[in-house]
């Protein structure tokens, strides 16, 4: 635990030095500062976090990519819980509207799934009655077309099985759909997709995909800790997703120390999620 805490403090220092103070940030870096501040209550992070969120408001408005806008939206929704600033909610509303406006997505397993996940997450602060049905429709359209029972997801556009990262993104969106709707088929399919992902070649040098997978495993571990959920759902017997996530992050820790600041921040967010389970 001490090593993990030291790694997280080092990531915070890197973000403050390299991104906040030079007038910029990334969704991952700002998300990590938000998590680290919430977990530690460090007063010295209050001002850097405020600067990061101010930069986020400016940068999100000009973001061109779908996945980039989804990342900013995720951040702003989480920031709204602690930031007493109407601009955060308004920016989130604008991003959610822009993402929704691109459905049906032409690249569903990448852009579509990322935007659905973010918009469902945003339903806690933005027009839930409108955005949730639309996001669920898009999720079911994308996953329904790609899913093959027992074989995971197929990327029909390229005639191949979806990648490790694509399975992880879909599982994350399905878990968020379960959080929002309470529909067990979503979380059960998410668990199946993560089981499939673990049989696929991981992304190797892609620390982002590994950290996203660890976060999805942490969410499954939390569900398995819920006795009522386990009675109601069909779950993988003998699964220990907490231990799986811990092993995955332990393997990534040395790389995170030398990775880009954004990738190190993704590792830090995942590490915080694992620590929150204990």
C-alpha atoms as a PDB file:
ATOM      1  CA  UNK A   1       0.000   0.000   0.000  1.00  0.00           C
ATOM      2  CA  UNK A   2       2.850   2.371   0.794  1.00  0.00           C
ATOM      3  CA  UNK A   3       4.388   1.805  -2.631  1.00  0.00           C
ATOM      4  CA  UNK A   4       1.012   2.431  -4.281  1.00  0.00           C
ATOM      5  CA  UNK A   5       0.535   5.664  -2.333  1.00  0.00           C
ATOM      6  CA  UNK A   6       4.020   6.828  -3.267  1.00  0.00           C
ATOM      7  CA  UNK A   7       3.347   6.061  -6.929  1.00  0.00           C
ATOM      8  CA  UNK A   8       0.098   8.014  -6.803  1.00  0.00           C
ATOM      9  CA  UNK A   9       1.742  11.008  -5.152  1.00  0.00           C
ATOM     10  CA  UNK A  10       4.463  10.918  -7.820  1.00  0.00           C
ATOM     11  CA  UNK A  11       1.834  10.908 -10.585  1.00  0.00           C
ATOM     12  CA  UNK A  12       0.143  13.904  -8.967  1.00  0.00           C
ATOM     13  CA  UNK A  13       3.451  15.765  -8.877  1.00  0.00           C
ATOM     14  CA  UNK A  14       4.093  15.006 -12.548  1.00  0.00           C
ATOM     15  CA  UNK A  15       0.672  16.273 -13.563  1.00  0.00           C
ATOM     16  CA  UNK A  16       1.056  19.487 -11.594  1.00  0.00           C
ATOM     17  CA  UNK A  17       4.515  20.123 -13.031  1.00  0.00           C
ATOM     18  CA  UNK A  18       3.941  19.080 -16.632  1.00  0.00           C
ATOM     19  CA  UNK A  19       0.323  19.877 -17.415  1.00  0.00           C
ATOM     20  CA  UNK A  20      -1.433  22.154 -14.989  1.00  0.00           C
ATOM     21  CA  UNK A  21       1.255  24.773 -14.577  1.00  0.00           C
ATOM     22  CA  UNK A  22       2.025  25.061 -18.290  1.00  0.00           C
ATOM     23  CA  UNK A  23      -1.588  25.944 -19.034  1.00  0.00           C
ATOM     24  CA  UNK A  24      -3.004  22.674 -20.304  1.00  0.00           C
ATOM     25  CA  UNK A  25      -4.328  19.322 -19.166  1.00  0.00           C
ATOM     26  CA  UNK A  26      -5.900  16.102 -20.496  1.00  0.00           C
ATOM     27  CA  UNK A  27      -9.066  14.283 -19.464  1.00  0.00           C
ATOM     28  CA  UNK A  28      -6.972  11.570 -17.831  1.00  0.00           C
ATOM     29  CA  UNK A  29      -4.733  14.000 -15.937  1.00  0.00           C
ATOM     30  CA  UNK A  30      -7.619  16.067 -14.624  1.00  0.00           C
ATOM     31  CA  UNK A  31      -9.579  12.924 -13.714  1.00  0.00           C
ATOM     32  CA  UNK A  32      -6.625  11.645 -11.716  1.00  0.00           C
ATOM     33  CA  UNK A  33      -6.205  14.927  -9.830  1.00  0.00           C
ATOM     34  CA  UNK A  34      -9.911  14.834  -9.018  1.00  0.00           C
ATOM     35  CA  UNK A  35      -9.679  11.241  -7.702  1.00  0.00           C
ATOM     36  CA  UNK A  36      -6.477  11.877  -5.795  1.00  0.00           C
ATOM     37  CA  UNK A  37      -7.827  15.018  -4.161  1.00  0.00           C
ATOM     38  CA  UNK A  38     -11.052  13.250  -3.183  1.00  0.00           C
ATOM     39  CA  UNK A  39      -9.115  10.313  -1.716  1.00  0.00           C
ATOM     40  CA  UNK A  40      -6.453  12.271   0.142  1.00  0.00           C
ATOM     41  CA  UNK A  41      -7.973  15.686   0.837  1.00  0.00           C
ATOM     42  CA  UNK A  42      -4.569  17.252   0.184  1.00  0.00           C
ATOM     43  CA  UNK A  43      -4.896  21.034   0.379  1.00  0.00           C
ATOM     44  CA  UNK A  44      -1.947  21.502  -1.966  1.00  0.00           C
ATOM     45  CA  UNK A  45      -3.954  19.858  -4.760  1.00  0.00           C
ATOM     46  CA  UNK A  46      -6.947  22.186  -4.458  1.00  0.00           C
ATOM     47  CA  UNK A  47      -5.494  24.969  -6.612  1.00  0.00           C
ATOM     48  CA  UNK A  48      -3.982  22.662  -9.286  1.00  0.00           C
ATOM     49  CA  UNK A  49      -7.302  20.838  -9.528  1.00  0.00           C
ATOM     50  CA  UNK A  50      -9.146  24.121  -9.970  1.00  0.00           C
ATOM     51  CA  UNK A  51      -6.725  25.108 -12.728  1.00  0.00           C
ATOM     52  CA  UNK A  52      -7.109  21.721 -14.413  1.00  0.00           C
ATOM     53  CA  UNK A  53     -10.896  22.044 -14.446  1.00  0.00           C
ATOM     54  CA  UNK A  54     -10.657  25.569 -15.834  1.00  0.00           C
ATOM     55  CA  UNK A  55      -8.426  24.288 -18.632  1.00  0.00           C
ATOM     56  CA  UNK A  56     -10.838  21.410 -19.199  1.00  0.00           C
ATOM     57  CA  UNK A  57     -13.750  23.779 -19.760  1.00  0.00           C
ATOM     58  CA  UNK A  58     -11.762  25.622 -22.400  1.00  0.00           C
ATOM     59  CA  UNK A  59     -10.302  22.565 -24.116  1.00  0.00           C
ATOM     60  CA  UNK A  60     -13.470  20.458 -24.173  1.00  0.00           C
ATOM     61  CA  UNK A  61     -15.292  23.033 -26.281  1.00  0.00           C
ATOM     62  CA  UNK A  62     -12.714  22.673 -29.065  1.00  0.00           C
ATOM     63  CA  UNK A  63     -12.253  18.870 -28.925  1.00  0.00           C
ATOM     64  CA  UNK A  64     -12.605  17.360 -32.386  1.00  0.00           C
ATOM     65  CA  UNK A  65     -12.592  13.603 -31.749  1.00  0.00           C
ATOM     66  CA  UNK A  66     -15.543  11.612 -30.459  1.00  0.00           C
ATOM     67  CA  UNK A  67     -13.474   9.691 -27.933  1.00  0.00           C
ATOM     68  CA  UNK A  68     -11.861  12.921 -26.808  1.00  0.00           C
ATOM     69  CA  UNK A  69     -15.251  14.535 -26.208  1.00  0.00           C
ATOM     70  CA  UNK A  70     -16.359  11.406 -24.352  1.00  0.00           C
ATOM     71  CA  UNK A  71     -13.322  11.681 -22.093  1.00  0.00           C
ATOM     72  CA  UNK A  72     -14.001  15.324 -21.303  1.00  0.00           C
ATOM     73  CA  UNK A  73     -17.655  14.536 -20.609  1.00  0.00           C
ATOM     74  CA  UNK A  74     -16.740  11.790 -18.141  1.00  0.00           C
ATOM     75  CA  UNK A  75     -14.456  14.226 -16.339  1.00  0.00           C
ATOM     76  CA  UNK A  76     -17.000  17.049 -16.169  1.00  0.00           C
ATOM     77  CA  UNK A  77     -19.685  14.768 -14.778  1.00  0.00           C
ATOM     78  CA  UNK A  78     -17.355  13.643 -11.991  1.00  0.00           C
ATOM     79  CA  UNK A  79     -16.238  17.234 -11.383  1.00  0.00           C
ATOM     80  CA  UNK A  80     -19.846  18.401 -11.009  1.00  0.00           C
ATOM     81  CA  UNK A  81     -20.015  16.480  -7.735  1.00  0.00           C
ATOM     82  CA  UNK A  82     -17.505  18.817  -6.109  1.00  0.00           C
ATOM     83  CA  UNK A  83     -17.440  21.932  -8.298  1.00  0.00           C
ATOM     84  CA  UNK A  84     -20.079  24.545  -7.513  1.00  0.00           C
ATOM     85  CA  UNK A  85     -19.927  25.992 -11.027  1.00  0.00           C
ATOM     86  CA  UNK A  86     -22.824  26.107 -13.474  1.00  0.00           C
ATOM     87  CA  UNK A  87     -20.324  26.159 -16.345  1.00  0.00           C
ATOM     88  CA  UNK A  88     -19.380  22.549 -15.614  1.00  0.00           C
ATOM     89  CA  UNK A  89     -22.949  21.318 -16.066  1.00  0.00           C
ATOM     90  CA  UNK A  90     -23.517  23.496 -19.119  1.00  0.00           C
ATOM     91  CA  UNK A  91     -20.324  22.210 -20.743  1.00  0.00           C
ATOM     92  CA  UNK A  92     -21.370  18.634 -19.961  1.00  0.00           C
ATOM     93  CA  UNK A  93     -24.788  19.265 -21.498  1.00  0.00           C
ATOM     94  CA  UNK A  94     -23.177  20.620 -24.673  1.00  0.00           C
ATOM     95  CA  UNK A  95     -20.806  17.666 -24.983  1.00  0.00           C
ATOM     96  CA  UNK A  96     -23.575  15.135 -24.400  1.00  0.00           C
ATOM     97  CA  UNK A  97     -25.710  16.805 -27.043  1.00  0.00           C
ATOM     98  CA  UNK A  98     -22.856  16.771 -29.552  1.00  0.00           C
ATOM     99  CA  UNK A  99     -22.130  13.094 -28.923  1.00  0.00           C
ATOM    100  CA  UNK A 100     -25.775  12.124 -29.142  1.00  0.00           C
ATOM    101  CA  UNK A 101     -26.066  14.023 -32.410  1.00  0.00           C
ATOM    102  CA  UNK A 102     -23.589  11.619 -34.048  1.00  0.00           C
ATOM    103  CA  UNK A 103     -25.684   8.498 -33.389  1.00  0.00           C
ATOM    104  CA  UNK A 104     -25.919   6.092 -35.071  1.00  0.00           C
ATOM    105  CA  UNK A 105     -22.158   5.980 -35.048  1.00  0.00           C
ATOM    106  CA  UNK A 106     -20.328   4.739 -38.118  1.00  0.00           C
ATOM    107  CA  UNK A 107     -17.571   3.289 -35.883  1.00  0.00           C
ATOM    108  CA  UNK A 108     -19.660   1.710 -33.177  1.00  0.00           C
ATOM    109  CA  UNK A 109     -17.120  -0.431 -31.327  1.00  0.00           C
ATOM    110  CA  UNK A 110     -14.827   2.542 -30.845  1.00  0.00           C
ATOM    111  CA  UNK A 111     -16.545   5.917 -31.110  1.00  0.00           C
ATOM    112  CA  UNK A 112     -20.113   4.727 -30.547  1.00  0.00           C
ATOM    113  CA  UNK A 113     -19.390   2.719 -27.425  1.00  0.00           C
ATOM    114  CA  UNK A 114     -17.234   5.473 -25.918  1.00  0.00           C
ATOM    115  CA  UNK A 115     -19.917   8.096 -26.489  1.00  0.00           C
ATOM    116  CA  UNK A 116     -22.671   5.866 -25.086  1.00  0.00           C
ATOM    117  CA  UNK A 117     -20.669   5.181 -21.931  1.00  0.00           C
ATOM    118  CA  UNK A 118     -20.029   8.891 -21.398  1.00  0.00           C
ATOM    119  CA  UNK A 119     -23.623   9.939 -22.080  1.00  0.00           C
ATOM    120  CA  UNK A 120     -25.032   7.310 -19.726  1.00  0.00           C
ATOM    121  CA  UNK A 121     -22.593   8.508 -17.085  1.00  0.00           C
ATOM    122  CA  UNK A 122     -23.765  12.063 -17.735  1.00  0.00           C
ATOM    123  CA  UNK A 123     -27.397  11.134 -17.143  1.00  0.00           C
ATOM    124  CA  UNK A 124     -26.884  11.910 -13.447  1.00  0.00           C
ATOM    125  CA  UNK A 125     -26.678  15.629 -14.275  1.00  0.00           C
ATOM    126  CA  UNK A 126     -27.927  16.058 -17.862  1.00  0.00           C
ATOM    127  CA  UNK A 127     -31.448  15.444 -19.256  1.00  0.00           C
ATOM    128  CA  UNK A 128     -31.738  11.796 -18.165  1.00  0.00           C
ATOM    129  CA  UNK A 129     -35.227  11.317 -19.605  1.00  0.00           C
ATOM    130  CA  UNK A 130     -33.963  12.173 -23.071  1.00  0.00           C
ATOM    131  CA  UNK A 131     -30.417  10.898 -23.135  1.00  0.00           C
ATOM    132  CA  UNK A 132     -30.808   7.508 -21.439  1.00  0.00           C
ATOM    133  CA  UNK A 133     -33.284   5.985 -23.942  1.00  0.00           C
ATOM    134  CA  UNK A 134     -31.221   7.259 -26.860  1.00  0.00           C
ATOM    135  CA  UNK A 135     -27.984   5.941 -25.378  1.00  0.00           C
ATOM    136  CA  UNK A 136     -29.521   2.550 -24.622  1.00  0.00           C
ATOM    137  CA  UNK A 137     -30.806   2.329 -28.194  1.00  0.00           C
ATOM    138  CA  UNK A 138     -27.331   3.061 -29.533  1.00  0.00           C
ATOM    139  CA  UNK A 139     -25.704   0.599 -27.127  1.00  0.00           C
ATOM    140  CA  UNK A 140     -28.079  -2.181 -28.117  1.00  0.00           C
ATOM    141  CA  UNK A 141     -27.656  -1.374 -31.807  1.00  0.00           C
ATOM    142  CA  UNK A 142     -23.854  -1.584 -31.632  1.00  0.00           C
ATOM    143  CA  UNK A 143     -23.549  -4.547 -29.274  1.00  0.00           C
ATOM    144  CA  UNK A 144     -26.475  -6.406 -30.819  1.00  0.00           C
ATOM    145  CA  UNK A 145     -24.865  -6.276 -34.265  1.00  0.00           C
ATOM    146  CA  UNK A 146     -21.442  -7.348 -32.990  1.00  0.00           C
ATOM    147  CA  UNK A 147     -22.218  -9.929 -30.308  1.00  0.00           C
ATOM    148  CA  UNK A 148     -21.778 -13.626 -31.035  1.00  0.00           C
ATOM    149  CA  UNK A 149     -22.801 -15.887 -28.118  1.00  0.00           C
ATOM    150  CA  UNK A 150     -19.774 -17.623 -26.696  1.00  0.00           C
ATOM    151  CA  UNK A 151     -17.404 -15.791 -29.026  1.00  0.00           C
ATOM    152  CA  UNK A 152     -17.607 -12.192 -27.874  1.00  0.00           C
ATOM    153  CA  UNK A 153     -17.780  -9.320 -30.330  1.00  0.00           C
ATOM    154  CA  UNK A 154     -17.170  -9.392 -34.073  1.00  0.00           C
ATOM    155  CA  UNK A 155     -16.085  -6.263 -35.922  1.00  0.00           C
ATOM    156  CA  UNK A 156     -18.189  -6.887 -39.011  1.00  0.00           C
ATOM    157  CA  UNK A 157     -16.710  -3.937 -40.892  1.00  0.00           C
ATOM    158  CA  UNK A 158     -13.332  -5.672 -40.950  1.00  0.00           C
ATOM    159  CA  UNK A 159     -14.486  -9.284 -40.672  1.00  0.00           C
ATOM    160  CA  UNK A 160     -12.503  -9.956 -37.496  1.00  0.00           C
ATOM    161  CA  UNK A 161     -13.019 -10.515 -33.833  1.00  0.00           C
ATOM    162  CA  UNK A 162     -13.056  -7.290 -31.864  1.00  0.00           C
ATOM    163  CA  UNK A 163      -9.840  -6.476 -30.040  1.00  0.00           C
ATOM    164  CA  UNK A 164      -9.067  -6.706 -26.343  1.00  0.00           C
ATOM    165  CA  UNK A 165      -9.624  -2.963 -25.971  1.00  0.00           C
ATOM    166  CA  UNK A 166     -12.920  -3.018 -27.868  1.00  0.00           C
ATOM    167  CA  UNK A 167     -14.249  -5.775 -25.606  1.00  0.00           C
ATOM    168  CA  UNK A 168     -13.201  -3.766 -22.555  1.00  0.00           C
ATOM    169  CA  UNK A 169     -14.878  -0.583 -23.824  1.00  0.00           C
ATOM    170  CA  UNK A 170     -18.102  -2.459 -24.537  1.00  0.00           C
ATOM    171  CA  UNK A 171     -18.042  -4.083 -21.103  1.00  0.00           C
ATOM    172  CA  UNK A 172     -17.560  -0.692 -19.472  1.00  0.00           C
ATOM    173  CA  UNK A 173     -20.529   0.790 -21.338  1.00  0.00           C
ATOM    174  CA  UNK A 174     -22.686  -2.195 -20.397  1.00  0.00           C
ATOM    175  CA  UNK A 175     -21.737  -1.820 -16.743  1.00  0.00           C
ATOM    176  CA  UNK A 176     -22.697   1.845 -16.890  1.00  0.00           C
ATOM    177  CA  UNK A 177     -25.984   0.860 -18.531  1.00  0.00           C
ATOM    178  CA  UNK A 178     -26.617  -1.499 -15.626  1.00  0.00           C
ATOM    179  CA  UNK A 179     -25.787   1.259 -13.133  1.00  0.00           C
ATOM    180  CA  UNK A 180     -28.338   3.535 -14.800  1.00  0.00           C
ATOM    181  CA  UNK A 181     -31.135   1.055 -15.551  1.00  0.00           C
ATOM    182  CA  UNK A 182     -30.635  -1.829 -13.123  1.00  0.00           C
ATOM    183  CA  UNK A 183     -31.110  -4.317 -15.977  1.00  0.00           C
ATOM    184  CA  UNK A 184     -29.194  -7.503 -15.165  1.00  0.00           C
ATOM    185  CA  UNK A 185     -28.618  -8.591 -18.796  1.00  0.00           C
ATOM    186  CA  UNK A 186     -26.283  -5.623 -19.250  1.00  0.00           C
ATOM    187  CA  UNK A 187     -23.986  -6.455 -16.337  1.00  0.00           C
ATOM    188  CA  UNK A 188     -24.086 -10.176 -17.120  1.00  0.00           C
ATOM    189  CA  UNK A 189     -23.063  -9.539 -20.722  1.00  0.00           C
ATOM    190  CA  UNK A 190     -20.333  -7.196 -19.493  1.00  0.00           C
ATOM    191  CA  UNK A 191     -18.936 -10.026 -17.389  1.00  0.00           C
ATOM    192  CA  UNK A 192     -19.058 -12.390 -20.360  1.00  0.00           C
ATOM    193  CA  UNK A 193     -17.221  -9.865 -22.552  1.00  0.00           C
ATOM    194  CA  UNK A 194     -14.509  -9.414 -19.934  1.00  0.00           C
ATOM    195  CA  UNK A 195     -14.103 -13.174 -19.771  1.00  0.00           C
ATOM    196  CA  UNK A 196     -13.664 -13.146 -23.556  1.00  0.00           C
ATOM    197  CA  UNK A 197     -11.240 -10.218 -23.399  1.00  0.00           C
ATOM    198  CA  UNK A 198      -9.004 -12.147 -21.018  1.00  0.00           C
ATOM    199  CA  UNK A 199      -8.616 -14.877 -23.645  1.00  0.00           C
ATOM    200  CA  UNK A 200      -7.518 -12.381 -26.293  1.00  0.00           C
ATOM    201  CA  UNK A 201      -4.028 -10.994 -26.798  1.00  0.00           C
ATOM    202  CA  UNK A 202      -3.749  -7.864 -24.685  1.00  0.00           C
ATOM    203  CA  UNK A 203      -2.661  -4.672 -26.303  1.00  0.00           C
ATOM    204  CA  UNK A 204       0.976  -5.128 -25.326  1.00  0.00           C
ATOM    205  CA  UNK A 205       2.329  -1.609 -25.247  1.00  0.00           C
ATOM    206  CA  UNK A 206      -1.104  -0.013 -24.720  1.00  0.00           C
ATOM    207  CA  UNK A 207      -1.187   0.793 -21.016  1.00  0.00           C
ATOM    208  CA  UNK A 208      -4.483   2.634 -21.514  1.00  0.00           C
ATOM    209  CA  UNK A 209      -6.329  -0.541 -22.510  1.00  0.00           C
ATOM    210  CA  UNK A 210      -4.818  -2.483 -19.611  1.00  0.00           C
ATOM    211  CA  UNK A 211      -5.871   0.184 -17.129  1.00  0.00           C
ATOM    212  CA  UNK A 212      -9.377   0.350 -18.606  1.00  0.00           C
ATOM    213  CA  UNK A 213      -9.608  -3.420 -18.193  1.00  0.00           C
ATOM    214  CA  UNK A 214      -8.505  -3.169 -14.563  1.00  0.00           C
ATOM    215  CA  UNK A 215     -11.213  -0.577 -13.908  1.00  0.00           C
ATOM    216  CA  UNK A 216     -13.865  -2.822 -15.475  1.00  0.00           C
ATOM    217  CA  UNK A 217     -12.660  -5.717 -13.322  1.00  0.00           C
ATOM    218  CA  UNK A 218     -12.935  -3.524 -10.231  1.00  0.00           C
ATOM    219  CA  UNK A 219     -16.538  -2.730 -11.135  1.00  0.00           C
ATOM    220  CA  UNK A 220     -17.296  -6.429 -11.531  1.00  0.00           C
ATOM    221  CA  UNK A 221     -15.596  -7.133  -8.209  1.00  0.00           C
ATOM    222  CA  UNK A 222     -17.872  -4.590  -6.533  1.00  0.00           C
ATOM    223  CA  UNK A 223     -20.918  -6.346  -7.992  1.00  0.00           C
ATOM    224  CA  UNK A 224     -19.660  -9.727  -6.779  1.00  0.00           C
ATOM    225  CA  UNK A 225     -19.342  -8.228  -3.291  1.00  0.00           C
ATOM    226  CA  UNK A 226     -23.092  -7.512  -3.336  1.00  0.00           C
ATOM    227  CA  UNK A 227     -24.926 -10.566  -2.015  1.00  0.00           C
ATOM    228  CA  UNK A 228     -28.271  -9.487  -3.469  1.00  0.00           C
ATOM    229  CA  UNK A 229     -26.704  -9.033  -6.898  1.00  0.00           C
ATOM    230  CA  UNK A 230     -25.098 -12.464  -6.766  1.00  0.00           C
ATOM    231  CA  UNK A 231     -28.461 -14.047  -5.923  1.00  0.00           C
ATOM    232  CA  UNK A 232     -30.180 -12.330  -8.838  1.00  0.00           C
ATOM    233  CA  UNK A 233     -27.532 -12.555 -11.559  1.00  0.00           C
ATOM    234  CA  UNK A 234     -25.742 -15.377 -13.303  1.00  0.00           C
ATOM    235  CA  UNK A 235     -22.064 -14.833 -12.468  1.00  0.00           C
ATOM    236  CA  UNK A 236     -18.806 -16.597 -13.236  1.00  0.00           C
ATOM    237  CA  UNK A 237     -18.178 -19.082 -10.431  1.00  0.00           C
ATOM    238  CA  UNK A 238     -14.836 -18.804  -8.703  1.00  0.00           C
ATOM    239  CA  UNK A 239     -14.007 -15.452 -10.266  1.00  0.00           C
ATOM    240  CA  UNK A 240     -11.818 -13.113  -8.209  1.00  0.00           C
ATOM    241  CA  UNK A 241     -11.892  -9.904 -10.194  1.00  0.00           C
ATOM    242  CA  UNK A 242     -10.312  -7.892  -7.393  1.00  0.00           C
ATOM    243  CA  UNK A 243      -7.227 -10.109  -7.511  1.00  0.00           C
ATOM    244  CA  UNK A 244      -7.226 -10.041 -11.313  1.00  0.00           C
ATOM    245  CA  UNK A 245      -7.260  -6.232 -11.323  1.00  0.00           C
ATOM    246  CA  UNK A 246      -4.507  -6.115  -8.700  1.00  0.00           C
ATOM    247  CA  UNK A 247      -2.276  -8.398 -10.758  1.00  0.00           C
ATOM    248  CA  UNK A 248      -2.928  -6.401 -13.902  1.00  0.00           C
ATOM    249  CA  UNK A 249      -2.027  -3.096 -12.250  1.00  0.00           C
ATOM    250  CA  UNK A 250       1.008  -4.560 -10.498  1.00  0.00           C
ATOM    251  CA  UNK A 251       2.303  -5.611 -13.919  1.00  0.00           C
ATOM    252  CA  UNK A 252       1.713  -2.097 -15.263  1.00  0.00           C
ATOM    253  CA  UNK A 253       3.220  -0.194 -12.315  1.00  0.00           C
ATOM    254  CA  UNK A 254       6.834  -0.170 -13.589  1.00  0.00           C
ATOM    255  CA  UNK A 255       5.674   1.059 -17.010  1.00  0.00           C
ATOM    256  CA  UNK A 256       3.460   3.715 -15.453  1.00  0.00           C
ATOM    257  CA  UNK A 257       6.488   5.275 -13.768  1.00  0.00           C
ATOM    258  CA  UNK A 258       8.085   6.010 -17.148  1.00  0.00           C
ATOM    259  CA  UNK A 259       4.966   6.354 -19.323  1.00  0.00           C
ATOM    260  CA  UNK A 260       3.545   9.601 -20.624  1.00  0.00           C
ATOM    261  CA  UNK A 261       1.805  11.737 -18.044  1.00  0.00           C
ATOM    262  CA  UNK A 262      -1.603  10.916 -19.546  1.00  0.00           C
ATOM    263  CA  UNK A 263      -0.954   7.163 -19.415  1.00  0.00           C
ATOM    264  CA  UNK A 264       0.417   7.433 -15.880  1.00  0.00           C
ATOM    265  CA  UNK A 265      -2.771   9.268 -14.922  1.00  0.00           C
ATOM    266  CA  UNK A 266      -4.896   6.445 -16.350  1.00  0.00           C
ATOM    267  CA  UNK A 267      -2.923   4.009 -14.224  1.00  0.00           C
ATOM    268  CA  UNK A 268      -3.471   6.221 -11.192  1.00  0.00           C
ATOM    269  CA  UNK A 269      -7.233   6.373 -11.699  1.00  0.00           C
ATOM    270  CA  UNK A 270      -7.377   2.584 -11.988  1.00  0.00           C
ATOM    271  CA  UNK A 271      -5.214   2.183  -8.878  1.00  0.00           C
ATOM    272  CA  UNK A 272      -7.569   4.441  -6.936  1.00  0.00           C
ATOM    273  CA  UNK A 273     -10.532   2.298  -8.022  1.00  0.00           C
ATOM    274  CA  UNK A 274      -8.757  -0.832  -6.819  1.00  0.00           C
ATOM    275  CA  UNK A 275      -7.865   0.776  -3.502  1.00  0.00           C
ATOM    276  CA  UNK A 276     -11.478   1.894  -3.003  1.00  0.00           C
ATOM    277  CA  UNK A 277     -12.538  -1.779  -2.960  1.00  0.00           C
ATOM    278  CA  UNK A 278     -10.465  -2.564   0.109  1.00  0.00           C
END
